[in-house]
Amino acid sequence: MCRVKLSGKVASVELRERSGLADIGAVLQRNSLRWYGHVLQEDGSEWVKKCMDFVVESARPRDRQNRTWNEVVEGRDMKSLKISKEDALVCSKWQRL
């Protein structure tokens, strides 16, 4: 990749810059926010929207409480970009963000 051998010991950040690829965390965040906006703009009768807050009961207790996908998107992704749920309801504004 980029004419770099494994023995060259080039950092992955530098390889991403050379190849023009985005950080995987940024790509995942963008995809989850795109899906979040799509689901919020649907009717309330859609099964996907009902599943946003669905919590699966685990067989054994965990060290920390499980978070729903909705809590992760609203808590981490939207706060880091300083956007709100109301922004997602306006399709043109959401696409720009």
PDB file of N, CA and C in Angstrom:
ATOM      1  N   MET A   1       0.851  -1.175   0.000  1.00  0.00           N
ATOM      2  CA  MET A   1       0.000   0.000   0.000  1.00  0.00           C
ATOM      3  C   MET A   1       0.895   1.235   0.000  1.00  0.00           C
ATOM      4  N   CYS A   2       0.686   2.098  -0.951  1.00  0.00           N
ATOM      5  CA  CYS A   2       1.469   3.337  -1.078  1.00  0.00           C
ATOM      6  C   CYS A   2       2.954   3.055  -1.198  1.00  0.00           C
ATOM      7  N   ARG A   3       3.286   1.896  -1.735  1.00  0.00           N
ATOM      8  CA  ARG A   3       4.689   1.476  -1.917  1.00  0.00           C
ATOM      9  C   ARG A   3       5.465   1.466  -0.596  1.00  0.00           C
ATOM     10  N   VAL A   4       4.785   1.053   0.458  1.00  0.00           N
ATOM     11  CA  VAL A   4       5.398   0.955   1.773  1.00  0.00           C
ATOM     12  C   VAL A   4       5.417  -0.512   2.168  1.00  0.00           C
ATOM     13  N   LYS A   5       6.562  -0.969   2.606  1.00  0.00           N
ATOM     14  CA  LYS A   5       6.673  -2.349   3.055  1.00  0.00           C
ATOM     15  C   LYS A   5       6.458  -2.402   4.561  1.00  0.00           C
ATOM     16  N   LEU A   6       6.143  -3.582   5.048  1.00  0.00           N
ATOM     17  CA  LEU A   6       5.907  -3.767   6.468  1.00  0.00           C
ATOM     18  C   LEU A   6       7.133  -3.385   7.282  1.00  0.00           C
ATOM     19  N   SER A   7       8.309  -3.637   6.717  1.00  0.00           N
ATOM     20  CA  SER A   7       9.547  -3.304   7.433  1.00  0.00           C
ATOM     21  C   SER A   7       9.789  -1.796   7.487  1.00  0.00           C
ATOM     22  N   GLY A   8       9.028  -1.012   6.712  1.00  0.00           N
ATOM     23  CA  GLY A   8       9.180   0.438   6.714  1.00  0.00           C
ATOM     24  C   GLY A   8       8.656   1.089   7.979  1.00  0.00           C
ATOM     25  N   LYS A   9       7.777   0.386   8.702  1.00  0.00           N
ATOM     26  CA  LYS A   9       7.222   0.853   9.968  1.00  0.00           C
ATOM     27  C   LYS A   9       6.634   2.266   9.861  1.00  0.00           C
ATOM     28  N   VAL A  10       5.726   2.427   8.906  1.00  0.00           N
ATOM     29  CA  VAL A  10       5.038   3.701   8.726  1.00  0.00           C
ATOM     30  C   VAL A  10       3.735   3.640   9.514  1.00  0.00           C
ATOM     31  N   ALA A  11       3.432   4.692  10.225  1.00  0.00           N
ATOM     32  CA  ALA A  11       2.227   4.733  11.057  1.00  0.00           C
ATOM     33  C   ALA A  11       0.971   4.678  10.188  1.00  0.00           C
ATOM     34  N   SER A  12      -0.072   4.074  10.734  1.00  0.00           N
ATOM     35  CA  SER A  12      -1.328   3.949   9.988  1.00  0.00           C
ATOM     36  C   SER A  12      -1.943   5.312   9.703  1.00  0.00           C
ATOM     37  N   VAL A  13      -1.736   6.286  10.581  1.00  0.00           N
ATOM     38  CA  VAL A  13      -2.259   7.637  10.350  1.00  0.00           C
ATOM     39  C   VAL A  13      -1.619   8.233   9.099  1.00  0.00           C
ATOM     40  N   GLU A  14      -0.336   8.040   8.957  1.00  0.00           N
ATOM     41  CA  GLU A  14       0.364   8.562   7.783  1.00  0.00           C
ATOM     42  C   GLU A  14      -0.084   7.840   6.510  1.00  0.00           C
ATOM     43  N   LEU A  15      -0.298   6.543   6.603  1.00  0.00           N
ATOM     44  CA  LEU A  15      -0.786   5.792   5.442  1.00  0.00           C
ATOM     45  C   LEU A  15      -2.175   6.264   5.018  1.00  0.00           C
ATOM     46  N   ARG A  16      -3.045   6.544   5.990  1.00  0.00           N
ATOM     47  CA  ARG A  16      -4.374   7.059   5.663  1.00  0.00           C
ATOM     48  C   ARG A  16      -4.281   8.413   4.977  1.00  0.00           C
ATOM     49  N   GLU A  17      -3.370   9.264   5.437  1.00  0.00           N
ATOM     50  CA  GLU A  17      -3.198  10.574   4.821  1.00  0.00           C
ATOM     51  C   GLU A  17      -2.696  10.433   3.387  1.00  0.00           C
ATOM     52  N   ARG A  18      -1.750   9.546   3.181  1.00  0.00           N
ATOM     53  CA  ARG A  18      -1.203   9.334   1.838  1.00  0.00           C
ATOM     54  C   ARG A  18      -2.246   8.784   0.877  1.00  0.00           C
ATOM     55  N   SER A  19      -3.054   7.875   1.346  1.00  0.00           N
ATOM     56  CA  SER A  19      -4.033   7.225   0.469  1.00  0.00           C
ATOM     57  C   SER A  19      -5.344   8.001   0.369  1.00  0.00           C
ATOM     58  N   GLY A  20      -5.554   8.987   1.250  1.00  0.00           N
ATOM     59  CA  GLY A  20      -6.761   9.786   1.217  1.00  0.00           C
ATOM     60  C   GLY A  20      -7.962   9.094   1.847  1.00  0.00           C
ATOM     61  N   LEU A  21      -7.734   8.092   2.669  1.00  0.00           N
ATOM     62  CA  LEU A  21      -8.820   7.371   3.331  1.00  0.00           C
ATOM     63  C   LEU A  21      -9.181   8.051   4.642  1.00  0.00           C
ATOM     64  N   ALA A  22     -10.445   7.957   5.004  1.00  0.00           N
ATOM     65  CA  ALA A  22     -10.917   8.537   6.266  1.00  0.00           C
ATOM     66  C   ALA A  22     -10.695   7.544   7.403  1.00  0.00           C
ATOM     67  N   ASP A  23     -10.646   8.063   8.601  1.00  0.00           N
ATOM     68  CA  ASP A  23     -10.528   7.231   9.796  1.00  0.00           C
ATOM     69  C   ASP A  23     -11.777   6.367   9.934  1.00  0.00           C
ATOM     70  N   ILE A  24     -11.614   5.113  10.312  1.00  0.00           N
ATOM     71  CA  ILE A  24     -12.741   4.188  10.399  1.00  0.00           C
ATOM     72  C   ILE A  24     -13.776   4.665  11.415  1.00  0.00           C
ATOM     73  N   GLY A  25     -13.345   5.302  12.477  1.00  0.00           N
ATOM     74  CA  GLY A  25     -14.279   5.840  13.464  1.00  0.00           C
ATOM     75  C   GLY A  25     -15.167   6.917  12.860  1.00  0.00           C
ATOM     76  N   ALA A  26     -14.585   7.778  12.030  1.00  0.00           N
ATOM     77  CA  ALA A  26     -15.356   8.834  11.370  1.00  0.00           C
ATOM     78  C   ALA A  26     -16.340   8.255  10.363  1.00  0.00           C
ATOM     79  N   VAL A  27     -15.925   7.215   9.652  1.00  0.00           N
ATOM     80  CA  VAL A  27     -16.805   6.574   8.673  1.00  0.00           C
ATOM     81  C   VAL A  27     -17.990   5.922   9.375  1.00  0.00           C
ATOM     82  N   LEU A  28     -17.736   5.215  10.470  1.00  0.00           N
ATOM     83  CA  LEU A  28     -18.814   4.570  11.214  1.00  0.00           C
ATOM     84  C   LEU A  28     -19.768   5.597  11.811  1.00  0.00           C
ATOM     85  N   GLN A  29     -19.221   6.693  12.324  1.00  0.00           N
ATOM     86  CA  GLN A  29     -20.057   7.747  12.889  1.00  0.00           C
ATOM     87  C   GLN A  29     -20.940   8.359  11.816  1.00  0.00           C
ATOM     88  N   ARG A  30     -20.380   8.643  10.647  1.00  0.00           N
ATOM     89  CA  ARG A  30     -21.152   9.227   9.557  1.00  0.00           C
ATOM     90  C   ARG A  30     -22.277   8.289   9.104  1.00  0.00           C
ATOM     91  N   ASN A  31     -21.968   7.002   9.000  1.00  0.00           N
ATOM     92  CA  ASN A  31     -22.984   6.036   8.577  1.00  0.00           C
ATOM     93  C   ASN A  31     -24.102   5.888   9.603  1.00  0.00           C
ATOM     94  N   SER A  32     -23.756   5.847  10.878  1.00  0.00           N
ATOM     95  CA  SER A  32     -24.789   5.697  11.897  1.00  0.00           C
ATOM     96  C   SER A  32     -25.668   6.944  11.969  1.00  0.00           C
ATOM     97  N   LEU A  33     -25.086   8.130  11.802  1.00  0.00           N
ATOM     98  CA  LEU A  33     -25.875   9.353  11.809  1.00  0.00           C
ATOM     99  C   LEU A  33     -26.775   9.444  10.580  1.00  0.00           C
ATOM    100  N   ARG A  34     -26.281   8.970   9.438  1.00  0.00           N
ATOM    101  CA  ARG A  34     -27.115   8.971   8.233  1.00  0.00           C
ATOM    102  C   ARG A  34     -28.334   8.069   8.435  1.00  0.00           C
ATOM    103  N   TRP A  35     -28.106   6.890   9.012  1.00  0.00           N
ATOM    104  CA  TRP A  35     -29.208   5.966   9.268  1.00  0.00           C
ATOM    105  C   TRP A  35     -30.165   6.542  10.310  1.00  0.00           C
ATOM    106  N   TYR A  36     -29.636   7.181  11.334  1.00  0.00           N
ATOM    107  CA  TYR A  36     -30.442   7.788  12.387  1.00  0.00           C
ATOM    108  C   TYR A  36     -31.395   8.827  11.798  1.00  0.00           C
ATOM    109  N   GLY A  37     -30.885   9.705  10.948  1.00  0.00           N
ATOM    110  CA  GLY A  37     -31.723  10.710  10.308  1.00  0.00           C
ATOM    111  C   GLY A  37     -32.786  10.085   9.427  1.00  0.00           C
ATOM    112  N   HIS A  38     -32.422   9.040   8.716  1.00  0.00           N
ATOM    113  CA  HIS A  38     -33.371   8.347   7.848  1.00  0.00           C
ATOM    114  C   HIS A  38     -34.512   7.744   8.666  1.00  0.00           C
ATOM    115  N   VAL A  39     -34.186   7.126   9.785  1.00  0.00           N
ATOM    116  CA  VAL A  39     -35.199   6.478  10.627  1.00  0.00           C
ATOM    117  C   VAL A  39     -36.095   7.518  11.295  1.00  0.00           C
ATOM    118  N   LEU A  40     -35.540   8.628  11.759  1.00  0.00           N
ATOM    119  CA  LEU A  40     -36.349   9.660  12.417  1.00  0.00           C
ATOM    120  C   LEU A  40     -37.353  10.295  11.470  1.00  0.00           C
ATOM    121  N   GLN A  41     -37.041  10.362  10.190  1.00  0.00           N
ATOM    122  CA  GLN A  41     -37.943  10.991   9.236  1.00  0.00           C
ATOM    123  C   GLN A  41     -39.060  10.056   8.778  1.00  0.00           C
ATOM    124  N   GLU A  42     -39.025   8.791   9.178  1.00  0.00           N
ATOM    125  CA  GLU A  42     -40.072   7.833   8.838  1.00  0.00           C
ATOM    126  C   GLU A  42     -41.271   8.004   9.764  1.00  0.00           C
ATOM    127  N   ASP A  43     -42.374   7.323   9.431  1.00  0.00           N
ATOM    128  CA  ASP A  43     -43.562   7.318  10.280  1.00  0.00           C
ATOM    129  C   ASP A  43     -43.267   6.589  11.583  1.00  0.00           C
ATOM    130  N   GLY A  44     -44.074   6.847  12.600  1.00  0.00           N
ATOM    131  CA  GLY A  44     -43.927   6.161  13.880  1.00  0.00           C
ATOM    132  C   GLY A  44     -44.343   4.706  13.828  1.00  0.00           C
ATOM    133  N   SER A  45     -45.018   4.304  12.756  1.00  0.00           N
ATOM    134  CA  SER A  45     -45.487   2.926  12.657  1.00  0.00           C
ATOM    135  C   SER A  45     -44.421   1.977  12.136  1.00  0.00           C
ATOM    136  N   GLU A  46     -43.311   2.491  11.671  1.00  0.00           N
ATOM    137  CA  GLU A  46     -42.264   1.633  11.130  1.00  0.00           C
ATOM    138  C   GLU A  46     -41.620   0.815  12.240  1.00  0.00           C
ATOM    139  N   TRP A  47     -41.372  -0.451  11.971  1.00  0.00           N
ATOM    140  CA  TRP A  47     -40.808  -1.350  12.989  1.00  0.00           C
ATOM    141  C   TRP A  47     -39.374  -0.960  13.337  1.00  0.00           C
ATOM    142  N   VAL A  48     -38.663  -0.354  12.395  1.00  0.00           N
ATOM    143  CA  VAL A  48     -37.278   0.039  12.666  1.00  0.00           C
ATOM    144  C   VAL A  48     -37.243   1.116  13.740  1.00  0.00           C
ATOM    145  N   LYS A  49     -38.170   2.049  13.651  1.00  0.00           N
ATOM    146  CA  LYS A  49     -38.213   3.128  14.635  1.00  0.00           C
ATOM    147  C   LYS A  49     -38.554   2.590  16.017  1.00  0.00           C
ATOM    148  N   LYS A  50     -39.420   1.570  16.058  1.00  0.00           N
ATOM    149  CA  LYS A  50     -39.770   0.957  17.336  1.00  0.00           C
ATOM    150  C   LYS A  50     -38.586   0.216  17.949  1.00  0.00           C
ATOM    151  N   CYS A  51     -37.694  -0.271  17.114  1.00  0.00           N
ATOM    152  CA  CYS A  51     -36.543  -1.047  17.601  1.00  0.00           C
ATOM    153  C   CYS A  51     -35.388  -0.174  18.081  1.00  0.00           C
ATOM    154  N   MET A  52     -35.467   1.127  17.882  1.00  0.00           N
ATOM    155  CA  MET A  52     -34.348   2.003  18.252  1.00  0.00           C
ATOM    156  C   MET A  52     -34.032   1.937  19.741  1.00  0.00           C
ATOM    157  N   ASP A  53     -35.039   1.801  20.574  1.00  0.00           N
ATOM    158  CA  ASP A  53     -34.824   1.770  22.016  1.00  0.00           C
ATOM    159  C   ASP A  53     -34.933   0.375  22.604  1.00  0.00           C
ATOM    160  N   PHE A  54     -34.967  -0.629  21.749  1.00  0.00           N
ATOM    161  CA  PHE A  54     -35.113  -1.999  22.210  1.00  0.00           C
ATOM    162  C   PHE A  54     -33.858  -2.448  22.950  1.00  0.00           C
ATOM    163  N   VAL A  55     -34.030  -3.011  24.133  1.00  0.00           N
ATOM    164  CA  VAL A  55     -32.912  -3.507  24.939  1.00  0.00           C
ATOM    165  C   VAL A  55     -33.059  -5.015  25.078  1.00  0.00           C
ATOM    166  N   VAL A  56     -31.993  -5.722  24.736  1.00  0.00           N
ATOM    167  CA  VAL A  56     -31.996  -7.179  24.847  1.00  0.00           C
ATOM    168  C   VAL A  56     -31.538  -7.544  26.250  1.00  0.00           C
ATOM    169  N   GLU A  57     -32.319  -8.364  26.937  1.00  0.00           N
ATOM    170  CA  GLU A  57     -31.949  -8.801  28.271  1.00  0.00           C
ATOM    171  C   GLU A  57     -30.841  -9.842  28.164  1.00  0.00           C
ATOM    172  N   SER A  58     -29.763  -9.627  28.876  1.00  0.00           N
ATOM    173  CA  SER A  58     -28.646 -10.565  28.826  1.00  0.00           C
ATOM    174  C   SER A  58     -28.841 -11.662  29.869  1.00  0.00           C
ATOM    175  N   ALA A  59     -28.202 -12.798  29.623  1.00  0.00           N
ATOM    176  CA  ALA A  59     -28.341 -13.945  30.509  1.00  0.00           C
ATOM    177  C   ALA A  59     -27.576 -13.753  31.811  1.00  0.00           C
ATOM    178  N   ARG A  60     -26.502 -12.989  31.753  1.00  0.00           N
ATOM    179  CA  ARG A  60     -25.705 -12.767  32.963  1.00  0.00           C
ATOM    180  C   ARG A  60     -25.449 -11.276  33.122  1.00  0.00           C
ATOM    181  N   PRO A  61     -25.299 -10.814  34.331  1.00  0.00           N
ATOM    182  CA  PRO A  61     -25.066  -9.381  34.535  1.00  0.00           C
ATOM    183  C   PRO A  61     -23.699  -8.949  34.003  1.00  0.00           C
ATOM    184  N   ARG A  62     -23.628  -7.763  33.562  1.00  0.00           N
ATOM    185  CA  ARG A  62     -22.386  -7.198  33.035  1.00  0.00           C
ATOM    186  C   ARG A  62     -21.852  -6.160  34.023  1.00  0.00           C
ATOM    187  N   ASP A  63     -20.615  -5.741  33.775  1.00  0.00           N
ATOM    188  CA  ASP A  63     -20.006  -4.738  34.644  1.00  0.00           C
ATOM    189  C   ASP A  63     -20.693  -3.385  34.517  1.00  0.00           C
ATOM    190  N   ARG A  64     -21.116  -3.065  33.336  1.00  0.00           N
ATOM    191  CA  ARG A  64     -21.789  -1.787  33.138  1.00  0.00           C
ATOM    192  C   ARG A  64     -23.095  -2.028  32.395  1.00  0.00           C
ATOM    193  N   GLN A  65     -23.982  -1.073  32.474  1.00  0.00           N
ATOM    194  CA  GLN A  65     -25.278  -1.197  31.827  1.00  0.00           C
ATOM    195  C   GLN A  65     -25.115  -1.096  30.312  1.00  0.00           C
ATOM    196  N   ASN A  66     -25.813  -1.966  29.592  1.00  0.00           N
ATOM    197  CA  ASN A  66     -25.778  -1.920  28.139  1.00  0.00           C
ATOM    198  C   ASN A  66     -26.505  -0.677  27.647  1.00  0.00           C
ATOM    199  N   ARG A  67     -25.970  -0.069  26.601  1.00  0.00           N
ATOM    200  CA  ARG A  67     -26.601   1.100  26.013  1.00  0.00           C
ATOM    201  C   ARG A  67     -27.256   0.705  24.700  1.00  0.00           C
ATOM    202  N   THR A  68     -28.353   1.349  24.395  1.00  0.00           N
ATOM    203  CA  THR A  68     -29.011   1.093  23.123  1.00  0.00           C
ATOM    204  C   THR A  68     -28.272   1.846  22.022  1.00  0.00           C
ATOM    205  N   TRP A  69     -28.539   1.458  20.782  1.00  0.00           N
ATOM    206  CA  TRP A  69     -27.929   2.121  19.637  1.00  0.00           C
ATOM    207  C   TRP A  69     -28.316   3.596  19.637  1.00  0.00           C
ATOM    208  N   ASN A  70     -29.555   3.864  20.007  1.00  0.00           N
ATOM    209  CA  ASN A  70     -30.063   5.228  20.057  1.00  0.00           C
ATOM    210  C   ASN A  70     -29.282   6.067  21.075  1.00  0.00           C
ATOM    211  N   GLU A  71     -28.993   5.507  22.224  1.00  0.00           N
ATOM    212  CA  GLU A  71     -28.229   6.229  23.255  1.00  0.00           C
ATOM    213  C   GLU A  71     -26.808   6.525  22.786  1.00  0.00           C
ATOM    214  N   VAL A  72     -26.226   5.622  22.048  1.00  0.00           N
ATOM    215  CA  VAL A  72     -24.870   5.834  21.538  1.00  0.00           C
ATOM    216  C   VAL A  72     -24.868   6.955  20.507  1.00  0.00           C
ATOM    217  N   VAL A  73     -25.817   6.915  19.580  1.00  0.00           N
ATOM    218  CA  VAL A  73     -25.867   7.939  18.531  1.00  0.00           C
ATOM    219  C   VAL A  73     -26.165   9.303  19.127  1.00  0.00           C
ATOM    220  N   GLU A  74     -27.177   9.384  19.984  1.00  0.00           N
ATOM    221  CA  GLU A  74     -27.534  10.682  20.567  1.00  0.00           C
ATOM    222  C   GLU A  74     -26.489  11.154  21.570  1.00  0.00           C
ATOM    223  N   GLY A  75     -25.909  10.247  22.322  1.00  0.00           N
ATOM    224  CA  GLY A  75     -24.964  10.626  23.363  1.00  0.00           C
ATOM    225  C   GLY A  75     -23.587  10.965  22.847  1.00  0.00           C
ATOM    226  N   ARG A  76     -23.019  10.097  22.040  1.00  0.00           N
ATOM    227  CA  ARG A  76     -21.642  10.289  21.608  1.00  0.00           C
ATOM    228  C   ARG A  76     -21.548  11.029  20.280  1.00  0.00           C
ATOM    229  N   ASP A  77     -22.211  10.507  19.273  1.00  0.00           N
ATOM    230  CA  ASP A  77     -22.037  11.024  17.921  1.00  0.00           C
ATOM    231  C   ASP A  77     -22.617  12.414  17.735  1.00  0.00           C
ATOM    232  N   MET A  78     -23.831  12.619  18.199  1.00  0.00           N
ATOM    233  CA  MET A  78     -24.473  13.917  17.993  1.00  0.00           C
ATOM    234  C   MET A  78     -23.873  15.002  18.877  1.00  0.00           C
ATOM    235  N   LYS A  79     -23.486  14.656  20.084  1.00  0.00           N
ATOM    236  CA  LYS A  79     -22.874  15.657  20.974  1.00  0.00           C
ATOM    237  C   LYS A  79     -21.500  16.079  20.465  1.00  0.00           C
ATOM    238  N   SER A  80     -20.744  15.149  19.884  1.00  0.00           N
ATOM    239  CA  SER A  80     -19.414  15.501  19.386  1.00  0.00           C
ATOM    240  C   SER A  80     -19.494  16.465  18.205  1.00  0.00           C
ATOM    241  N   LEU A  81     -20.583  16.393  17.432  1.00  0.00           N
ATOM    242  CA  LEU A  81     -20.761  17.298  16.297  1.00  0.00           C
ATOM    243  C   LEU A  81     -21.663  18.479  16.619  1.00  0.00           C
ATOM    244  N   LYS A  82     -22.181  18.535  17.859  1.00  0.00           N
ATOM    245  CA  LYS A  82     -23.056  19.617  18.327  1.00  0.00           C
ATOM    246  C   LYS A  82     -24.286  19.773  17.430  1.00  0.00           C
ATOM    247  N   ILE A  83     -24.977  18.653  17.210  1.00  0.00           N
ATOM    248  CA  ILE A  83     -26.220  18.670  16.452  1.00  0.00           C
ATOM    249  C   ILE A  83     -27.325  18.091  17.319  1.00  0.00           C
ATOM    250  N   SER A  84     -28.566  18.406  16.989  1.00  0.00           N
ATOM    251  CA  SER A  84     -29.684  17.983  17.822  1.00  0.00           C
ATOM    252  C   SER A  84     -30.638  17.085  17.045  1.00  0.00           C
ATOM    253  N   LYS A  85     -31.568  16.500  17.776  1.00  0.00           N
ATOM    254  CA  LYS A  85     -32.568  15.629  17.182  1.00  0.00           C
ATOM    255  C   LYS A  85     -33.476  16.421  16.247  1.00  0.00           C
ATOM    256  N   GLU A  86     -33.734  17.667  16.560  1.00  0.00           N
ATOM    257  CA  GLU A  86     -34.574  18.513  15.717  1.00  0.00           C
ATOM    258  C   GLU A  86     -33.918  18.763  14.363  1.00  0.00           C
ATOM    259  N   ASP A  87     -32.579  18.822  14.340  1.00  0.00           N
ATOM    260  CA  ASP A  87     -31.866  18.989  13.071  1.00  0.00           C
ATOM    261  C   ASP A  87     -32.111  17.802  12.149  1.00  0.00           C
ATOM    262  N   ALA A  88     -32.238  16.611  12.720  1.00  0.00           N
ATOM    263  CA  ALA A  88     -32.431  15.405  11.924  1.00  0.00           C
ATOM    264  C   ALA A  88     -33.806  15.360  11.282  1.00  0.00           C
ATOM    265  N   LEU A  89     -34.754  16.079  11.823  1.00  0.00           N
ATOM    266  CA  LEU A  89     -36.107  16.063  11.277  1.00  0.00           C
ATOM    267  C   LEU A  89     -36.242  16.924  10.020  1.00  0.00           C
ATOM    268  N   VAL A  90     -35.286  17.805   9.779  1.00  0.00           N
ATOM    269  CA  VAL A  90     -35.283  18.635   8.574  1.00  0.00           C
ATOM    270  C   VAL A  90     -34.286  18.003   7.607  1.00  0.00           C
ATOM    271  N   CYS A  91     -34.806  17.374   6.570  1.00  0.00           N
ATOM    272  CA  CYS A  91     -33.987  16.551   5.672  1.00  0.00           C
ATOM    273  C   CYS A  91     -32.844  17.341   5.035  1.00  0.00           C
ATOM    274  N   SER A  92     -33.114  18.507   4.490  1.00  0.00           N
ATOM    275  CA  SER A  92     -32.068  19.271   3.792  1.00  0.00           C
ATOM    276  C   SER A  92     -30.966  19.711   4.759  1.00  0.00           C
ATOM    277  N   LYS A  93     -31.352  20.109   5.954  1.00  0.00           N
ATOM    278  CA  LYS A  93     -30.364  20.538   6.956  1.00  0.00           C
ATOM    279  C   LYS A  93     -29.519  19.353   7.422  1.00  0.00           C
ATOM    280  N   TRP A  94     -30.161  18.208   7.601  1.00  0.00           N
ATOM    281  CA  TRP A  94     -29.457  17.006   8.080  1.00  0.00           C
ATOM    282  C   TRP A  94     -28.412  16.545   7.064  1.00  0.00           C
ATOM    283  N   GLN A  95     -28.747  16.611   5.787  1.00  0.00           N
ATOM    284  CA  GLN A  95     -27.808  16.183   4.756  1.00  0.00           C
ATOM    285  C   GLN A  95     -26.586  17.099   4.718  1.00  0.00           C
ATOM    286  N   ARG A  96     -26.792  18.394   4.959  1.00  0.00           N
ATOM    287  CA  ARG A  96     -25.650  19.315   4.991  1.00  0.00           C
ATOM    288  C   ARG A  96     -24.743  19.028   6.186  1.00  0.00           C
ATOM    289  N   LEU A  97     -25.345  18.699   7.326  1.00  0.00           N
ATOM    290  CA  LEU A  97     -24.557  18.450   8.524  1.00  0.00           C
ATOM    291  C   LEU A  97     -23.757  17.172   8.355  1.00  0.00           C
TER     292      LEU A  97
END
